[in-house]
Amino acid sequence: MEDLIRELETQEERLQFSRFDNTDAWALGCLLVDLARERDLSITIDIRRHGHQLFHAALPGTAPDNDRWIERKIRVVERLNASSYLVGRRLAARGRTFDADYGVNPADYATHGGAFPIRVRDVGVVGVVTVSGLPQADDHALVVEALERFLAG
């Protein structure tokens, strides 16, 4: 578990933007849609900056419940400025839960993988990119893959 946590922390340090605007959100969202279509994945994708939804796509096979999961994951990132998966793994490593440690309703927060902070270098977290529909490690991995490709381009 400690190795996974270190890997997740490294991802967040490495995957930072120099800037992030509406055009970037559209391009990143389209990249995620393309990856999902290539692999025939049933996912919902959401990208926000400062609470403003800039991109949303619900691919075939998804349901309104995916949107509920997205909202719950986003709240974790917005509260702690860390990916929902990293927060969940840190808590699991200590045998803790988010609702107990933070006094929140578990129906409102989900420390499951898939929501990743959009961090602008020398600024901080400005938004969140989220995927819902796969097992949590796979949701997280898909977002990381898309960010790696986007930032490399």
Protein backbone atom coordinates (compact mmCIF):
# COMPACT_ATOMS: atom_id res chain seq x y z
CA MET A 1 0.00 0.00 0.00
CA GLU A 2 2.84 2.42 0.80
CA ASP A 3 4.34 1.91 -2.68
CA LEU A 4 0.97 2.67 -4.28
CA ILE A 5 0.56 5.81 -2.17
CA ARG A 6 4.04 7.03 -3.19
CA GLU A 7 3.21 6.34 -6.85
CA LEU A 8 -0.04 8.32 -6.58
CA GLU A 9 1.74 11.23 -4.90
CA THR A 10 4.38 11.22 -7.65
CA GLN A 11 1.66 11.32 -10.31
CA GLU A 12 0.18 14.44 -8.74
CA GLU A 13 3.56 16.16 -8.54
CA ARG A 14 4.36 15.26 -12.15
CA LEU A 15 1.01 15.88 -13.86
CA GLN A 16 0.75 19.65 -13.59
CA PHE A 17 -0.29 22.19 -16.18
CA SER A 18 1.38 25.48 -17.07
CA ARG A 19 -2.15 26.85 -17.73
CA PHE A 20 -5.66 25.44 -18.05
CA ASP A 21 -8.59 27.02 -19.89
CA ASN A 22 -11.84 26.02 -21.59
CA THR A 23 -10.04 24.93 -24.75
CA ASP A 24 -7.76 22.67 -22.71
CA ALA A 25 -10.78 21.16 -20.97
CA TRP A 26 -12.41 20.40 -24.32
CA ALA A 27 -9.24 18.82 -25.74
CA LEU A 28 -8.64 16.71 -22.62
CA GLY A 29 -12.27 15.62 -22.54
CA CYS A 30 -12.19 14.64 -26.22
CA LEU A 31 -8.99 12.67 -25.59
CA LEU A 32 -10.73 10.75 -22.80
CA VAL A 33 -13.73 10.08 -25.05
CA ASP A 34 -11.42 8.79 -27.79
CA LEU A 35 -9.60 6.47 -25.37
CA ALA A 36 -12.91 5.16 -24.06
CA ARG A 37 -14.32 4.55 -27.54
CA GLU A 38 -11.15 2.75 -28.68
CA ARG A 39 -11.54 0.39 -25.71
CA ASP A 40 -15.34 0.18 -25.76
CA LEU A 41 -15.57 1.57 -22.20
CA SER A 42 -18.84 2.68 -20.64
CA ILE A 43 -17.77 5.77 -18.72
CA THR A 44 -18.93 9.24 -17.85
CA ILE A 45 -16.36 12.05 -18.04
CA ASP A 46 -16.51 15.41 -16.27
CA ILE A 47 -14.04 18.30 -16.28
CA ARG A 48 -14.45 21.43 -14.14
CA ARG A 49 -12.49 24.58 -13.43
CA HIS A 50 -13.35 26.52 -10.28
CA GLY A 51 -16.66 24.64 -10.02
CA HIS A 52 -17.67 25.47 -13.61
CA GLN A 53 -18.40 22.35 -15.67
CA LEU A 54 -16.45 22.75 -18.91
CA PHE A 55 -16.84 19.23 -20.32
CA HIS A 56 -19.26 16.36 -19.73
CA ALA A 57 -19.81 13.17 -21.72
CA ALA A 58 -21.86 10.11 -20.84
CA LEU A 59 -20.94 7.27 -23.19
CA PRO A 60 -23.26 4.36 -24.05
CA GLY A 61 -23.81 2.00 -21.15
CA THR A 62 -23.66 4.67 -18.45
CA ALA A 63 -26.46 5.79 -16.17
CA PRO A 64 -27.38 8.81 -14.04
CA ASP A 65 -25.71 7.03 -11.12
CA ASN A 66 -22.33 7.72 -12.76
CA ASP A 67 -23.04 11.44 -12.39
CA ARG A 68 -23.74 10.93 -8.68
CA TRP A 69 -20.40 9.15 -8.25
CA ILE A 70 -18.66 11.99 -10.08
CA GLU A 71 -20.16 14.58 -7.73
CA ARG A 72 -19.08 12.58 -4.68
CA LYS A 73 -15.51 12.11 -5.98
CA ILE A 74 -15.18 15.77 -6.96
CA ARG A 75 -16.09 16.88 -3.43
CA VAL A 76 -13.13 14.89 -2.07
CA VAL A 77 -10.69 16.56 -4.47
CA GLU A 78 -12.11 20.01 -3.80
CA ARG A 79 -11.88 19.50 -0.06
CA LEU A 80 -8.32 18.08 0.11
CA ASN A 81 -6.67 19.10 -3.21
CA ALA A 82 -5.65 15.48 -3.83
CA SER A 83 -7.03 12.74 -6.06
CA SER A 84 -9.97 10.80 -4.72
CA TYR A 85 -7.95 7.59 -5.13
CA LEU A 86 -4.96 8.93 -3.18
CA VAL A 87 -7.21 10.13 -0.36
CA GLY A 88 -8.93 6.73 -0.24
CA ARG A 89 -5.66 4.77 -0.23
CA ARG A 90 -4.19 6.96 2.53
CA LEU A 91 -7.27 6.39 4.67
CA ALA A 92 -7.35 2.65 3.96
CA ALA A 93 -3.67 2.37 4.94
CA ARG A 94 -4.57 3.80 8.35
CA GLY A 95 -7.81 1.81 8.69
CA ARG A 96 -9.81 5.04 8.62
CA THR A 97 -12.81 6.33 6.66
CA PHE A 98 -13.49 9.75 5.20
CA ASP A 99 -16.82 10.24 6.94
CA ALA A 100 -15.38 9.38 10.36
CA ASP A 101 -12.25 11.52 9.95
CA TYR A 102 -13.95 14.54 8.36
CA GLY A 103 -17.44 14.39 9.84
CA VAL A 104 -19.21 14.24 6.50
CA ASN A 105 -22.13 12.28 5.12
CA PRO A 106 -20.76 9.32 3.10
CA ALA A 107 -23.59 9.84 0.61
CA ASP A 108 -21.91 13.15 -0.32
CA TYR A 109 -18.26 12.04 -0.60
CA ALA A 110 -16.55 9.08 -2.28
CA THR A 111 -12.86 8.32 -1.81
CA HIS A 112 -12.92 6.03 -4.84
CA GLY A 113 -10.55 6.47 -7.76
CA GLY A 114 -11.41 8.59 -10.75
CA ALA A 115 -11.24 12.27 -9.72
CA PHE A 116 -7.87 13.95 -10.24
CA PRO A 117 -6.91 17.55 -9.43
CA ILE A 118 -6.11 19.89 -12.28
CA ARG A 119 -3.11 21.64 -10.79
CA VAL A 120 -1.48 24.63 -12.48
CA ARG A 121 2.20 25.01 -11.63
CA ASP A 122 2.84 27.91 -9.22
CA VAL A 123 -0.92 28.43 -8.83
CA GLY A 124 -2.41 25.27 -7.29
CA VAL A 125 -5.54 23.26 -7.88
CA VAL A 126 -7.93 25.00 -10.27
CA GLY A 127 -10.21 22.13 -11.21
CA VAL A 128 -10.96 18.45 -11.40
CA VAL A 129 -11.07 15.84 -14.16
CA THR A 130 -13.23 12.83 -13.30
CA VAL A 131 -14.12 9.47 -14.80
CA SER A 132 -16.80 7.11 -13.51
CA GLY A 133 -17.85 3.67 -14.72
CA LEU A 134 -14.86 1.37 -14.21
CA PRO A 135 -13.36 -0.21 -11.09
CA GLN A 136 -11.77 2.61 -9.10
CA ALA A 137 -8.14 1.81 -9.95
CA ASP A 138 -9.08 1.72 -13.64
CA ASP A 139 -10.99 5.03 -13.45
CA HIS A 140 -7.88 6.60 -11.91
CA ALA A 141 -5.49 4.97 -14.41
CA LEU A 142 -7.52 6.20 -17.39
CA VAL A 143 -7.44 9.79 -16.13
CA VAL A 144 -3.69 9.55 -15.50
CA GLU A 145 -3.07 8.10 -18.98
CA ALA A 146 -5.06 10.92 -20.58
CA LEU A 147 -3.23 13.57 -18.55
CA GLU A 148 0.14 12.07 -19.48
CA ARG A 149 -0.75 12.11 -23.19
CA PHE A 150 -2.24 15.60 -23.03
CA LEU A 151 0.70 17.12 -21.18
CA ALA A 152 3.22 15.39 -23.46
CA GLY A 153 1.55 16.86 -26.55
